[in-house]
């Protein structure tokens, strides 16, 4: 005889996911951990603008090439104190003047932009002064910063996590209970360093003189590094033992 079986209803799957707001048996506490560190900068950047002007294009270009070479040679004499040296934009353009209905080229202007990054702040003050002593050379900066790989960022994140644990534990202890487990830790990121006490950036320009290096009478700038501030934020969720209310 044929065998008939009655299908049995399937049991619903067990949901082990904690309730989004916790349960009476596993109450949840959510906190935010923050850290703010004030540290000395690690590097300083300056920008150098070398200019030239001539009545014809070739003269302007020759002068610009000579002054650019003088600036690069001077920077390279500082060796390892200069961690990075880059050439940015270059331009040479005519200056037009109108005579009657026609336009004539009055002169040609040329510019080269350089960027130097130093970690030796003693050398920075001397180099800045010597560059400013060059003909038609402008120096802007310095801009103080931390390296992208600075351990300060990891230190700030670690401090933010510890602050989150301390804060969550304080809430649990206020209820005469204790933390049981960490459910979630969300990193909101570490903000880039910002100047702690911002001051006007240095701007120096030399518009005359010769392309000679600094003489013994030329003073060296005493530059005071700006402190940097690093922020870190984390969100953390914990479960705690049920308190006796």
Protein backbone atom coordinates (compact mmCIF):
# COMPACT_ATOMS: atom_id res chain seq x y z
CA UNK A 1 0.00 0.00 0.00
CA UNK A 2 1.24 3.47 -0.72
CA UNK A 3 2.72 5.36 2.20
CA UNK A 4 1.47 8.85 2.78
CA UNK A 5 3.31 11.37 4.90
CA UNK A 6 2.05 14.62 6.23
CA UNK A 7 4.55 17.44 5.61
CA UNK A 8 5.73 18.98 8.82
CA UNK A 9 5.92 22.77 9.10
CA UNK A 10 9.47 24.10 8.95
CA UNK A 11 10.80 25.65 12.11
CA UNK A 12 11.68 29.29 11.72
CA UNK A 13 15.42 29.96 11.63
CA UNK A 14 16.99 31.03 14.88
CA UNK A 15 17.95 34.68 14.82
CA UNK A 16 21.06 35.19 16.92
CA UNK A 17 21.43 38.83 15.92
CA UNK A 18 21.19 41.05 18.99
CA UNK A 19 18.30 43.44 19.11
CA UNK A 20 19.32 46.82 17.73
CA UNK A 21 18.78 48.45 21.13
CA UNK A 22 19.74 45.56 23.33
CA UNK A 23 17.47 43.43 25.54
CA UNK A 24 16.74 43.29 29.26
CA UNK A 25 19.12 40.32 29.47
CA UNK A 26 21.81 42.06 27.40
CA UNK A 27 21.42 45.81 27.68
CA UNK A 28 23.51 47.82 25.30
CA UNK A 29 25.52 50.99 25.86
CA UNK A 30 26.75 53.19 22.99
CA UNK A 31 29.47 55.78 23.50
CA UNK A 32 31.75 58.06 21.53
CA UNK A 33 35.49 58.20 22.16
CA UNK A 34 37.48 61.30 21.33
CA UNK A 35 41.14 62.33 21.42
CA UNK A 36 42.89 65.64 20.83
CA UNK A 37 46.67 65.80 20.72
CA UNK A 38 48.87 68.88 20.43
CA UNK A 39 52.31 68.09 19.04
CA UNK A 40 55.27 69.73 17.39
CA UNK A 41 55.34 69.73 13.57
CA UNK A 42 57.59 67.29 11.73
CA UNK A 43 58.07 69.10 8.44
CA UNK A 44 57.82 72.60 6.98
CA UNK A 45 57.10 73.59 3.39
CA UNK A 46 58.07 76.74 1.57
CA UNK A 47 57.27 77.85 -1.96
CA UNK A 48 59.76 79.75 -4.07
CA UNK A 49 58.73 81.85 -7.05
CA UNK A 50 61.55 82.78 -9.43
CA UNK A 51 60.76 85.59 -11.87
CA UNK A 52 62.34 87.20 -14.92
CA UNK A 53 61.47 90.06 -17.24
CA UNK A 54 62.92 90.95 -20.61
CA UNK A 55 62.19 93.03 -23.65
CA UNK A 56 62.25 89.86 -25.79
CA UNK A 57 61.25 86.27 -25.11
CA UNK A 58 64.75 84.80 -25.32
CA UNK A 59 66.23 87.27 -22.85
CA UNK A 60 63.44 86.60 -20.34
CA UNK A 61 63.82 82.85 -20.78
CA UNK A 62 67.61 82.96 -20.37
CA UNK A 63 67.34 85.05 -17.18
CA UNK A 64 64.63 82.78 -15.80
CA UNK A 65 66.71 79.67 -16.50
CA UNK A 66 69.76 81.17 -14.81
CA UNK A 67 67.84 82.27 -11.69
CA UNK A 68 65.97 78.97 -11.44
CA UNK A 69 69.29 77.10 -11.58
CA UNK A 70 70.74 79.36 -8.89
CA UNK A 71 67.77 78.70 -6.60
CA UNK A 72 67.87 74.92 -7.17
CA UNK A 73 71.63 74.78 -6.59
CA UNK A 74 71.30 76.72 -3.36
CA UNK A 75 68.53 74.45 -2.04
CA UNK A 76 70.48 71.29 -2.94
CA UNK A 77 73.48 72.45 -0.90
CA UNK A 78 71.44 71.66 2.24
CA UNK A 79 71.54 67.95 1.46
CA UNK A 80 69.42 65.71 3.67
CA UNK A 81 67.86 68.70 5.44
CA UNK A 82 65.69 69.07 2.33
CA UNK A 83 63.47 65.99 2.18
CA UNK A 84 61.61 66.98 -0.99
CA UNK A 85 62.20 69.44 -3.80
CA UNK A 86 59.70 69.82 -6.64
CA UNK A 87 59.21 72.12 -9.60
CA UNK A 88 55.64 73.23 -10.07
CA UNK A 89 54.25 75.43 -12.81
CA UNK A 90 56.29 77.36 -15.38
CA UNK A 91 55.01 80.28 -17.41
CA UNK A 92 56.31 82.92 -19.77
CA UNK A 93 53.85 85.39 -21.21
CA UNK A 94 53.95 88.69 -23.10
CA UNK A 95 52.92 92.02 -21.64
CA UNK A 96 50.87 93.83 -24.26
CA UNK A 97 50.47 97.55 -24.70
CA UNK A 98 48.08 99.31 -27.05
CA UNK A 99 49.23 101.92 -29.53
CA UNK A 100 46.37 103.28 -31.51
CA UNK A 101 44.37 100.39 -32.89
CA UNK A 102 47.12 97.82 -32.61
CA UNK A 103 48.72 95.97 -29.71
CA UNK A 104 52.45 95.60 -29.26
CA UNK A 105 54.50 93.41 -26.96
CA UNK A 106 56.13 95.58 -24.34
CA UNK A 107 57.97 92.88 -22.40
CA UNK A 108 57.96 89.20 -21.50
CA UNK A 109 57.43 87.90 -17.96
CA UNK A 110 58.54 84.45 -16.84
CA UNK A 111 57.93 82.53 -13.62
CA UNK A 112 58.89 79.18 -12.13
CA UNK A 113 57.36 77.85 -8.90
CA UNK A 114 59.35 75.55 -6.62
CA UNK A 115 58.34 73.72 -3.45
CA UNK A 116 60.80 72.59 -0.78
CA UNK A 117 60.03 70.43 2.25
CA UNK A 118 62.40 70.42 5.23
CA UNK A 119 62.56 68.62 8.54
CA UNK A 120 65.57 70.56 9.85
CA UNK A 121 64.01 73.78 11.12
CA UNK A 122 67.39 75.37 11.86
CA UNK A 123 68.37 74.98 8.22
CA UNK A 124 64.92 76.27 7.23
CA UNK A 125 65.53 79.75 8.66
CA UNK A 126 68.90 80.07 6.97
CA UNK A 127 67.70 78.73 3.63
CA UNK A 128 64.67 81.02 3.62
CA UNK A 129 66.86 84.07 4.12
CA UNK A 130 69.37 83.05 1.47
CA UNK A 131 66.66 82.37 -1.08
CA UNK A 132 65.08 85.74 -0.37
CA UNK A 133 68.45 87.35 -1.08
CA UNK A 134 68.39 86.11 -4.67
CA UNK A 135 67.32 88.46 -7.45
CA UNK A 136 63.59 88.51 -8.31
CA UNK A 137 62.88 85.59 -6.00
CA UNK A 138 59.90 85.37 -3.69
CA UNK A 139 59.53 82.99 -0.75
CA UNK A 140 56.17 82.10 0.85
CA UNK A 141 55.64 80.02 3.97
CA UNK A 142 56.50 78.16 5.98
CA UNK A 143 53.53 75.81 6.30
CA UNK A 144 54.05 73.43 9.21
CA UNK A 145 52.68 69.89 9.10
CA UNK A 146 52.99 66.26 10.18
CA UNK A 147 54.03 63.51 7.79
CA UNK A 148 51.12 61.39 6.46
CA UNK A 149 52.75 58.36 8.13
CA UNK A 150 53.29 60.09 11.46
CA UNK A 151 52.75 57.81 14.50
CA UNK A 152 50.79 60.65 16.07
CA UNK A 153 47.70 59.62 14.08
CA UNK A 154 47.83 56.06 15.45
CA UNK A 155 48.41 57.45 18.92
CA UNK A 156 45.30 59.63 18.61
CA UNK A 157 43.16 56.69 17.44
CA UNK A 158 44.40 54.51 20.30
CA UNK A 159 43.61 57.23 22.81
CA UNK A 160 40.12 57.65 21.33
CA UNK A 161 39.40 53.90 21.71
CA UNK A 162 40.58 53.92 25.31
CA UNK A 163 38.41 56.95 26.00
CA UNK A 164 35.40 55.05 24.61
CA UNK A 165 36.07 52.08 26.90
CA UNK A 166 36.51 54.31 29.93
CA UNK A 167 33.29 56.16 29.17
CA UNK A 168 31.26 52.97 28.64
CA UNK A 169 32.67 51.45 31.82
CA UNK A 170 31.69 54.57 33.76
CA UNK A 171 28.09 54.22 32.56
CA UNK A 172 28.04 50.56 33.58
CA UNK A 173 29.49 51.29 36.99
CA UNK A 174 26.86 53.99 37.50
CA UNK A 175 24.32 51.15 37.27
CA UNK A 176 26.37 48.89 39.59
CA UNK A 177 27.16 46.49 36.76
CA UNK A 178 29.98 45.82 34.30
CA UNK A 179 30.70 45.53 30.59
CA UNK A 180 30.42 42.09 28.99
CA UNK A 181 31.36 42.36 25.33
CA UNK A 182 32.26 44.77 22.54
CA UNK A 183 29.68 44.69 19.74
CA UNK A 184 30.91 47.38 17.39
CA UNK A 185 33.76 49.81 16.98
CA UNK A 186 33.39 52.37 14.18
CA UNK A 187 36.31 54.58 13.23
CA UNK A 188 35.19 58.06 12.22
CA UNK A 189 38.70 58.82 11.10
CA UNK A 190 41.59 60.93 12.23
CA UNK A 191 41.51 64.52 11.09
CA UNK A 192 44.53 66.06 9.48
CA UNK A 193 46.71 68.11 11.74
CA UNK A 194 45.78 71.74 12.10
CA UNK A 195 47.94 74.57 13.44
CA UNK A 196 47.45 74.96 17.18
CA UNK A 197 48.45 78.63 17.24
CA UNK A 198 48.28 79.90 13.71
CA UNK A 199 50.43 82.88 12.83
CA UNK A 200 50.76 84.84 9.59
CA UNK A 201 52.86 82.97 7.05
CA UNK A 202 56.23 84.39 6.15
CA UNK A 203 56.44 86.21 2.85
CA UNK A 204 59.73 87.54 1.60
CA UNK A 205 60.72 88.79 -1.82
CA UNK A 206 63.90 90.10 -3.39
CA UNK A 207 63.44 92.47 -6.31
CA UNK A 208 66.95 93.80 -6.77
CA UNK A 209 70.52 92.97 -6.05
CA UNK A 210 72.49 90.15 -7.65
CA UNK A 211 72.21 86.40 -7.89
CA UNK A 212 74.81 85.92 -5.18
CA UNK A 213 74.36 83.84 -2.04
CA UNK A 214 73.91 85.33 1.38
CA UNK A 215 76.80 87.31 2.79
CA UNK A 216 77.97 87.26 6.38
CA UNK A 217 75.95 90.40 7.06
CA UNK A 218 72.65 88.82 5.99
CA UNK A 219 70.68 87.76 9.11
CA UNK A 220 69.20 84.30 9.54
CA UNK A 221 65.49 84.14 10.35
CA UNK A 222 64.53 82.62 13.68
CA UNK A 223 61.36 80.65 12.86
CA UNK A 224 59.21 79.27 15.69
CA UNK A 225 57.37 76.09 14.64
CA UNK A 226 53.57 76.06 15.02
CA UNK A 227 52.09 73.34 17.21
CA UNK A 228 49.78 70.92 15.40
CA UNK A 229 46.44 69.57 16.65
CA UNK A 230 45.23 66.07 15.72
CA UNK A 231 41.67 64.87 16.41
CA UNK A 232 40.37 61.28 16.43
CA UNK A 233 36.79 60.01 16.92
CA UNK A 234 35.33 56.50 17.35
CA UNK A 235 31.85 55.15 18.07
CA UNK A 236 31.65 52.02 20.23
CA UNK A 237 28.80 49.73 21.37
CA UNK A 238 29.02 47.33 24.30
CA UNK A 239 26.75 44.92 26.12
CA UNK A 240 26.70 44.88 29.87
CA UNK A 241 25.40 42.59 32.57
CA UNK A 242 21.76 43.30 33.54
CA UNK A 243 21.72 45.85 36.37
CA UNK A 244 19.58 45.46 39.42
CA UNK A 245 17.30 48.48 39.19
